[in-house]
PDB file of N, CA and C in Angstrom:
ATOM      1  N   MET A   1       0.821  -1.193   0.000  1.00  0.00           N
ATOM      2  CA  MET A   1       0.000   0.000   0.000  1.00  0.00           C
ATOM      3  C   MET A   1       0.863   1.255   0.000  1.00  0.00           C
ATOM      4  N   GLU A   2       1.995   1.203   0.740  1.00  0.00           N
ATOM      5  CA  GLU A   2       2.863   2.380   0.809  1.00  0.00           C
ATOM      6  C   GLU A   2       3.413   2.743  -0.567  1.00  0.00           C
ATOM      7  N   ALA A   3       3.781   1.743  -1.342  1.00  0.00           N
ATOM      8  CA  ALA A   3       4.293   2.010  -2.693  1.00  0.00           C
ATOM      9  C   ALA A   3       3.225   2.693  -3.535  1.00  0.00           C
ATOM     10  N   ALA A   4       2.000   2.239  -3.423  1.00  0.00           N
ATOM     11  CA  ALA A   4       0.911   2.847  -4.186  1.00  0.00           C
ATOM     12  C   ALA A   4       0.695   4.303  -3.767  1.00  0.00           C
ATOM     13  N   LEU A   5       0.785   4.580  -2.481  1.00  0.00           N
ATOM     14  CA  LEU A   5       0.627   5.953  -2.001  1.00  0.00           C
ATOM     15  C   LEU A   5       1.767   6.842  -2.486  1.00  0.00           C
ATOM     16  N   ASN A   6       2.982   6.305  -2.506  1.00  0.00           N
ATOM     17  CA  ASN A   6       4.120   7.072  -3.008  1.00  0.00           C
ATOM     18  C   ASN A   6       3.952   7.390  -4.487  1.00  0.00           C
ATOM     19  N   ILE A   7       3.469   6.427  -5.241  1.00  0.00           N
ATOM     20  CA  ILE A   7       3.234   6.644  -6.677  1.00  0.00           C
ATOM     21  C   ILE A   7       2.158   7.700  -6.866  1.00  0.00           C
ATOM     22  N   LEU A   8       1.070   7.598  -6.095  1.00  0.00           N
ATOM     23  CA  LEU A   8      -0.011   8.578  -6.181  1.00  0.00           C
ATOM     24  C   LEU A   8       0.495   9.975  -5.828  1.00  0.00           C
ATOM     25  N   ALA A   9       1.281  10.091  -4.763  1.00  0.00           N
ATOM     26  CA  ALA A   9       1.812  11.396  -4.362  1.00  0.00           C
ATOM     27  C   ALA A   9       2.676  11.993  -5.470  1.00  0.00           C
ATOM     28  N   LYS A  10       3.512  11.168  -6.080  1.00  0.00           N
ATOM     29  CA  LYS A  10       4.371  11.643  -7.166  1.00  0.00           C
ATOM     30  C   LYS A  10       3.533  12.117  -8.350  1.00  0.00           C
ATOM     31  N   LEU A  11       2.507  11.361  -8.690  1.00  0.00           N
ATOM     32  CA  LEU A  11       1.630  11.752  -9.800  1.00  0.00           C
ATOM     33  C   LEU A  11       0.924  13.074  -9.502  1.00  0.00           C
ATOM     34  N   LEU A  12       0.436  13.223  -8.284  1.00  0.00           N
ATOM     35  CA  LEU A  12      -0.251  14.464  -7.911  1.00  0.00           C
ATOM     36  C   LEU A  12       0.690  15.661  -8.008  1.00  0.00           C
ATOM     37  N   ILE A  13       1.912  15.485  -7.541  1.00  0.00           N
ATOM     38  CA  ILE A  13       2.897  16.568  -7.608  1.00  0.00           C
ATOM     39  C   ILE A  13       3.219  16.907  -9.053  1.00  0.00           C
ATOM     40  N   GLU A  14       3.426  15.876  -9.857  1.00  0.00           N
ATOM     41  CA  GLU A  14       3.758  16.097 -11.270  1.00  0.00           C
ATOM     42  C   GLU A  14       2.651  16.828 -12.013  1.00  0.00           C
ATOM     43  N   HIS A  15       1.411  16.627 -11.593  1.00  0.00           N
ATOM     44  CA  HIS A  15       0.275  17.231 -12.280  1.00  0.00           C
ATOM     45  C   HIS A  15      -0.201  18.505 -11.596  1.00  0.00           C
ATOM     46  N   GLY A  16       0.597  19.016 -10.674  1.00  0.00           N
ATOM     47  CA  GLY A  16       0.309  20.313 -10.065  1.00  0.00           C
ATOM     48  C   GLY A  16      -0.814  20.325  -9.062  1.00  0.00           C
ATOM     49  N   ALA A  17      -1.120  19.214  -8.456  1.00  0.00           N
ATOM     50  CA  ALA A  17      -2.188  19.172  -7.460  1.00  0.00           C
ATOM     51  C   ALA A  17      -1.817  20.041  -6.267  1.00  0.00           C
ATOM     52  N   GLN A  18      -2.816  20.654  -5.679  1.00  0.00           N
ATOM     53  CA  GLN A  18      -2.606  21.477  -4.499  1.00  0.00           C
ATOM     54  C   GLN A  18      -3.458  20.936  -3.369  1.00  0.00           C
ATOM     55  N   VAL A  19      -2.921  20.995  -2.167  1.00  0.00           N
ATOM     56  CA  VAL A  19      -3.631  20.499  -0.996  1.00  0.00           C
ATOM     57  C   VAL A  19      -3.754  21.635   0.002  1.00  0.00           C
ATOM     58  N   THR A  20      -4.948  21.813   0.537  1.00  0.00           N
ATOM     59  CA  THR A  20      -5.188  22.819   1.564  1.00  0.00           C
ATOM     60  C   THR A  20      -5.606  22.099   2.836  1.00  0.00           C
ATOM     61  N   ILE A  21      -4.950  22.458   3.931  1.00  0.00           N
ATOM     62  CA  ILE A  21      -5.247  21.831   5.214  1.00  0.00           C
ATOM     63  C   ILE A  21      -5.639  22.932   6.190  1.00  0.00           C
ATOM     64  N   SER A  22      -6.811  22.790   6.785  1.00  0.00           N
ATOM     65  CA  SER A  22      -7.228  23.772   7.782  1.00  0.00           C
ATOM     66  C   SER A  22      -6.731  23.334   9.156  1.00  0.00           C
ATOM     67  N   GLY A  23      -6.672  24.273  10.068  1.00  0.00           N
ATOM     68  CA  GLY A  23      -6.216  23.945  11.412  1.00  0.00           C
ATOM     69  C   GLY A  23      -4.723  23.704  11.470  1.00  0.00           C
ATOM     70  N   GLY A  24      -3.934  24.515  10.783  1.00  0.00           N
ATOM     71  CA  GLY A  24      -2.501  24.330  10.679  1.00  0.00           C
ATOM     72  C   GLY A  24      -1.740  24.400  11.985  1.00  0.00           C
ATOM     73  N   GLU A  25      -2.345  25.012  13.017  1.00  0.00           N
ATOM     74  CA  GLU A  25      -1.635  25.139  14.289  1.00  0.00           C
ATOM     75  C   GLU A  25      -1.304  23.762  14.859  1.00  0.00           C
ATOM     76  N   GLY A  26      -2.234  22.845  14.797  1.00  0.00           N
ATOM     77  CA  GLY A  26      -1.996  21.500  15.295  1.00  0.00           C
ATOM     78  C   GLY A  26      -0.966  20.760  14.465  1.00  0.00           C
ATOM     79  N   LEU A  27      -0.937  21.046  13.173  1.00  0.00           N
ATOM     80  CA  LEU A  27       0.025  20.397  12.292  1.00  0.00           C
ATOM     81  C   LEU A  27       1.447  20.815  12.627  1.00  0.00           C
ATOM     82  N   GLU A  28       1.625  22.073  12.984  1.00  0.00           N
ATOM     83  CA  GLU A  28       2.960  22.549  13.349  1.00  0.00           C
ATOM     84  C   GLU A  28       3.482  21.799  14.569  1.00  0.00           C
ATOM     85  N   GLN A  29       2.629  21.579  15.554  1.00  0.00           N
ATOM     86  CA  GLN A  29       3.024  20.835  16.746  1.00  0.00           C
ATOM     87  C   GLN A  29       3.344  19.384  16.399  1.00  0.00           C
ATOM     88  N   LEU A  30       2.540  18.760  15.546  1.00  0.00           N
ATOM     89  CA  LEU A  30       2.804  17.382  15.118  1.00  0.00           C
ATOM     90  C   LEU A  30       4.139  17.286  14.397  1.00  0.00           C
ATOM     91  N   LEU A  31       4.426  18.248  13.531  1.00  0.00           N
ATOM     92  CA  LEU A  31       5.694  18.267  12.805  1.00  0.00           C
ATOM     93  C   LEU A  31       6.866  18.412  13.768  1.00  0.00           C
ATOM     94  N   ARG A  32       6.728  19.311  14.721  1.00  0.00           N
ATOM     95  CA  ARG A  32       7.793  19.510  15.710  1.00  0.00           C
ATOM     96  C   ARG A  32       8.040  18.224  16.503  1.00  0.00           C
ATOM     97  N   GLU A  33       6.963  17.579  16.943  1.00  0.00           N
ATOM     98  CA  GLU A  33       7.108  16.348  17.706  1.00  0.00           C
ATOM     99  C   GLU A  33       7.768  15.252  16.873  1.00  0.00           C
ATOM    100  N   ARG A  34       7.371  15.133  15.599  1.00  0.00           N
ATOM    101  CA  ARG A  34       7.958  14.097  14.737  1.00  0.00           C
ATOM    102  C   ARG A  34       9.429  14.369  14.483  1.00  0.00           C
ATOM    103  N   CYS A  35       9.785  15.628  14.305  1.00  0.00           N
ATOM    104  CA  CYS A  35      11.188  15.974  14.089  1.00  0.00           C
ATOM    105  C   CYS A  35      12.015  15.684  15.342  1.00  0.00           C
ATOM    106  N   CYS A  36      11.470  15.984  16.505  1.00  0.00           N
ATOM    107  CA  CYS A  36      12.181  15.672  17.755  1.00  0.00           C
ATOM    108  C   CYS A  36      12.354  14.168  17.904  1.00  0.00           C
ATOM    109  N   GLN A  37      11.342  13.395  17.529  1.00  0.00           N
ATOM    110  CA  GLN A  37      11.445  11.944  17.582  1.00  0.00           C
ATOM    111  C   GLN A  37      12.536  11.459  16.635  1.00  0.00           C
ATOM    112  N   ALA A  38      12.601  12.036  15.427  1.00  0.00           N
ATOM    113  CA  ALA A  38      13.633  11.645  14.464  1.00  0.00           C
ATOM    114  C   ALA A  38      15.022  11.960  15.010  1.00  0.00           C
ATOM    115  N   LEU A  39      15.193  13.110  15.647  1.00  0.00           N
ATOM    116  CA  LEU A  39      16.487  13.451  16.247  1.00  0.00           C
ATOM    117  C   LEU A  39      16.865  12.472  17.347  1.00  0.00           C
ATOM    118  N   LYS A  40      15.880  12.048  18.149  1.00  0.00           N
ATOM    119  CA  LYS A  40      16.143  11.052  19.186  1.00  0.00           C
ATOM    120  C   LYS A  40      16.585   9.733  18.554  1.00  0.00           C
ATOM    121  N   GLU A  41      15.927   9.327  17.477  1.00  0.00           N
ATOM    122  CA  GLU A  41      16.308   8.088  16.802  1.00  0.00           C
ATOM    123  C   GLU A  41      17.719   8.191  16.229  1.00  0.00           C
ATOM    124  N   ILE A  42      18.078   9.340  15.683  1.00  0.00           N
ATOM    125  CA  ILE A  42      19.432   9.549  15.158  1.00  0.00           C
ATOM    126  C   ILE A  42      20.442   9.456  16.301  1.00  0.00           C
ATOM    127  N   ARG A  43      20.136  10.084  17.431  1.00  0.00           N
ATOM    128  CA  ARG A  43      21.022  10.016  18.597  1.00  0.00           C
ATOM    129  C   ARG A  43      21.197   8.570  19.039  1.00  0.00           C
ATOM    130  N   ASP A  44      20.111   7.801  19.038  1.00  0.00           N
ATOM    131  CA  ASP A  44      20.184   6.388  19.415  1.00  0.00           C
ATOM    132  C   ASP A  44      21.112   5.618  18.471  1.00  0.00           C
ATOM    133  N   VAL A  45      21.041   5.915  17.182  1.00  0.00           N
ATOM    134  CA  VAL A  45      21.928   5.260  16.212  1.00  0.00           C
ATOM    135  C   VAL A  45      23.376   5.626  16.508  1.00  0.00           C
ATOM    136  N   LEU A  46      23.624   6.891  16.757  1.00  0.00           N
ATOM    137  CA  LEU A  46      24.995   7.329  17.028  1.00  0.00           C
ATOM    138  C   LEU A  46      25.550   6.704  18.315  1.00  0.00           C
ATOM    139  N   ASP A  47      24.662   6.430  19.271  1.00  0.00           N
ATOM    140  CA  ASP A  47      25.086   5.845  20.541  1.00  0.00           C
ATOM    141  C   ASP A  47      25.139   4.317  20.514  1.00  0.00           C
ATOM    142  N   ASP A  48      24.710   3.694  19.432  1.00  0.00           N
ATOM    143  CA  ASP A  48      24.638   2.240  19.334  1.00  0.00           C
ATOM    144  C   ASP A  48      26.040   1.650  19.164  1.00  0.00           C
ATOM    145  N   GLY A  49      26.531   1.005  20.200  1.00  0.00           N
ATOM    146  CA  GLY A  49      27.871   0.427  20.177  1.00  0.00           C
ATOM    147  C   GLY A  49      28.018  -0.790  19.285  1.00  0.00           C
ATOM    148  N   THR A  50      26.913  -1.370  18.839  1.00  0.00           N
ATOM    149  CA  THR A  50      26.996  -2.537  17.962  1.00  0.00           C
ATOM    150  C   THR A  50      27.301  -2.154  16.525  1.00  0.00           C
ATOM    151  N   LEU A  51      27.172  -0.894  16.195  1.00  0.00           N
ATOM    152  CA  LEU A  51      27.474  -0.407  14.843  1.00  0.00           C
ATOM    153  C   LEU A  51      28.898   0.140  14.866  1.00  0.00           C
ATOM    154  N   ASP A  52      29.854  -0.766  14.737  1.00  0.00           N
ATOM    155  CA  ASP A  52      31.244  -0.374  14.968  1.00  0.00           C
ATOM    156  C   ASP A  52      32.129  -0.494  13.723  1.00  0.00           C
ATOM    157  N   ASP A  53      31.523  -0.518  12.545  1.00  0.00           N
ATOM    158  CA  ASP A  53      32.357  -0.646  11.346  1.00  0.00           C
ATOM    159  C   ASP A  53      33.220   0.608  11.187  1.00  0.00           C
ATOM    160  N   PRO A  54      34.449   0.467  10.666  1.00  0.00           N
ATOM    161  CA  PRO A  54      35.391   1.585  10.594  1.00  0.00           C
ATOM    162  C   PRO A  54      34.882   2.783   9.783  1.00  0.00           C
ATOM    163  N   ASP A  55      34.150   2.535   8.742  1.00  0.00           N
ATOM    164  CA  ASP A  55      33.676   3.639   7.906  1.00  0.00           C
ATOM    165  C   ASP A  55      32.301   4.144   8.324  1.00  0.00           C
ATOM    166  N   CYS A  56      31.751   3.561   9.363  1.00  0.00           N
ATOM    167  CA  CYS A  56      30.439   3.955   9.889  1.00  0.00           C
ATOM    168  C   CYS A  56      29.321   3.838   8.858  1.00  0.00           C
ATOM    169  N   PHE A  57      29.477   2.956   7.893  1.00  0.00           N
ATOM    170  CA  PHE A  57      28.472   2.830   6.844  1.00  0.00           C
ATOM    171  C   PHE A  57      27.109   2.495   7.425  1.00  0.00           C
ATOM    172  N   ARG A  58      27.073   1.546   8.343  1.00  0.00           N
ATOM    173  CA  ARG A  58      25.775   1.135   8.895  1.00  0.00           C
ATOM    174  C   ARG A  58      25.127   2.268   9.681  1.00  0.00           C
ATOM    175  N   ARG A  59      25.915   3.053  10.400  1.00  0.00           N
ATOM    176  CA  ARG A  59      25.350   4.190  11.129  1.00  0.00           C
ATOM    177  C   ARG A  59      24.733   5.190  10.161  1.00  0.00           C
ATOM    178  N   ILE A  60      25.473   5.518   9.126  1.00  0.00           N
ATOM    179  CA  ILE A  60      24.975   6.492   8.150  1.00  0.00           C
ATOM    180  C   ILE A  60      23.728   5.954   7.459  1.00  0.00           C
ATOM    181  N   GLU A  61      23.738   4.684   7.088  1.00  0.00           N
ATOM    182  CA  GLU A  61      22.586   4.078   6.429  1.00  0.00           C
ATOM    183  C   GLU A  61      21.352   4.141   7.327  1.00  0.00           C
ATOM    184  N   LYS A  62      21.514   3.867   8.612  1.00  0.00           N
ATOM    185  CA  LYS A  62      20.383   3.932   9.532  1.00  0.00           C
ATOM    186  C   LYS A  62      19.859   5.361   9.669  1.00  0.00           C
ATOM    187  N   ILE A  63      20.741   6.347   9.691  1.00  0.00           N
ATOM    188  CA  ILE A  63      20.319   7.744   9.767  1.00  0.00           C
ATOM    189  C   ILE A  63      19.546   8.125   8.508  1.00  0.00           C
ATOM    190  N   VAL A  64      20.035   7.708   7.353  1.00  0.00           N
ATOM    191  CA  VAL A  64      19.333   7.976   6.095  1.00  0.00           C
ATOM    192  C   VAL A  64      17.948   7.327   6.126  1.00  0.00           C
ATOM    193  N   GLU A  65      17.858   6.119   6.643  1.00  0.00           N
ATOM    194  CA  GLU A  65      16.567   5.440   6.741  1.00  0.00           C
ATOM    195  C   GLU A  65      15.594   6.222   7.623  1.00  0.00           C
ATOM    196  N   ILE A  66      16.090   6.829   8.695  1.00  0.00           N
ATOM    197  CA  ILE A  66      15.243   7.640   9.572  1.00  0.00           C
ATOM    198  C   ILE A  66      14.712   8.846   8.807  1.00  0.00           C
ATOM    199  N   TYR A  67      15.584   9.514   8.051  1.00  0.00           N
ATOM    200  CA  TYR A  67      15.139  10.649   7.244  1.00  0.00           C
ATOM    201  C   TYR A  67      14.101  10.213   6.222  1.00  0.00           C
ATOM    202  N   GLU A  68      14.309   9.069   5.600  1.00  0.00           N
ATOM    203  CA  GLU A  68      13.359   8.582   4.613  1.00  0.00           C
ATOM    204  C   GLU A  68      12.019   8.249   5.260  1.00  0.00           C
ATOM    205  N   ALA A  69      12.047   7.651   6.440  1.00  0.00           N
ATOM    206  CA  ALA A  69      10.811   7.332   7.150  1.00  0.00           C
ATOM    207  C   ALA A  69      10.067   8.600   7.559  1.00  0.00           C
ATOM    208  N   LEU A  70      10.822   9.649   7.830  1.00  0.00           N
ATOM    209  CA  LEU A  70      10.237  10.936   8.182  1.00  0.00           C
ATOM    210  C   LEU A  70       9.560  11.576   6.982  1.00  0.00           C
ATOM    211  N   GLY A  71       9.983  11.174   5.809  1.00  0.00           N
ATOM    212  CA  GLY A  71       9.439  11.758   4.582  1.00  0.00           C
ATOM    213  C   GLY A  71      10.341  12.833   4.022  1.00  0.00           C
ATOM    214  N   ALA A  72      11.514  13.004   4.642  1.00  0.00           N
ATOM    215  CA  ALA A  72      12.423  14.050   4.208  1.00  0.00           C
ATOM    216  C   ALA A  72      13.348  13.585   3.075  1.00  0.00           C
ATOM    217  N   GLY A  73      13.315  12.324   2.744  1.00  0.00           N
ATOM    218  CA  GLY A  73      14.162  11.807   1.679  1.00  0.00           C
ATOM    219  C   GLY A  73      15.565  11.504   2.157  1.00  0.00           C
ATOM    220  N   GLY A  74      16.248  10.687   1.390  1.00  0.00           N
ATOM    221  CA  GLY A  74      17.594  10.266   1.759  1.00  0.00           C
ATOM    222  C   GLY A  74      18.681  11.103   1.131  1.00  0.00           C
ATOM    223  N   GLY A  75      18.334  12.061   0.325  1.00  0.00           N
ATOM    224  CA  GLY A  75      19.340  12.895  -0.321  1.00  0.00           C
ATOM    225  C   GLY A  75      19.776  12.322  -1.647  1.00  0.00           C
ATOM    226  N   SER A  76      20.522  13.099  -2.375  1.00  0.00           N
ATOM    227  CA  SER A  76      20.922  12.718  -3.739  1.00  0.00           C
ATOM    228  C   SER A  76      21.927  11.576  -3.779  1.00  0.00           C
ATOM    229  N   ARG A  77      22.593  11.303  -2.679  1.00  0.00           N
ATOM    230  CA  ARG A  77      23.628  10.256  -2.678  1.00  0.00           C
ATOM    231  C   ARG A  77      23.089   8.901  -2.210  1.00  0.00           C
ATOM    232  N   HIS A  78      21.816   8.826  -1.883  1.00  0.00           N
ATOM    233  CA  HIS A  78      21.261   7.557  -1.421  1.00  0.00           C
ATOM    234  C   HIS A  78      20.552   6.857  -2.555  1.00  0.00           C
ATOM    235  N   ASP A  79      21.360   6.407  -3.523  1.00  0.00           N
ATOM    236  CA  ASP A  79      20.805   5.773  -4.713  1.00  0.00           C
ATOM    237  C   ASP A  79      21.304   4.346  -4.877  1.00  0.00           C
ATOM    238  N   PHE A  80      21.722   3.729  -3.775  1.00  0.00           N
ATOM    239  CA  PHE A  80      22.232   2.364  -3.839  1.00  0.00           C
ATOM    240  C   PHE A  80      21.266   1.405  -3.204  1.00  0.00           C
TER     241      PHE A  80
END
């Protein structure tokens, strides 16, 4: 289902769809809380002693996954 929603979102963006949401004050608080949660998850990854590879690849990959789960994307270099 998530793949279908991602495809739909991409199609809507490509076709110039606009979304209006009322009650934005609550959305700002939800966004702040989700971002704080993502920062906590990143801190947990950085503190994880089991991720001890010399190049920190697994740590970086986990951080990218957190950003992707947040909806912020993995950046231009996360194409592997």
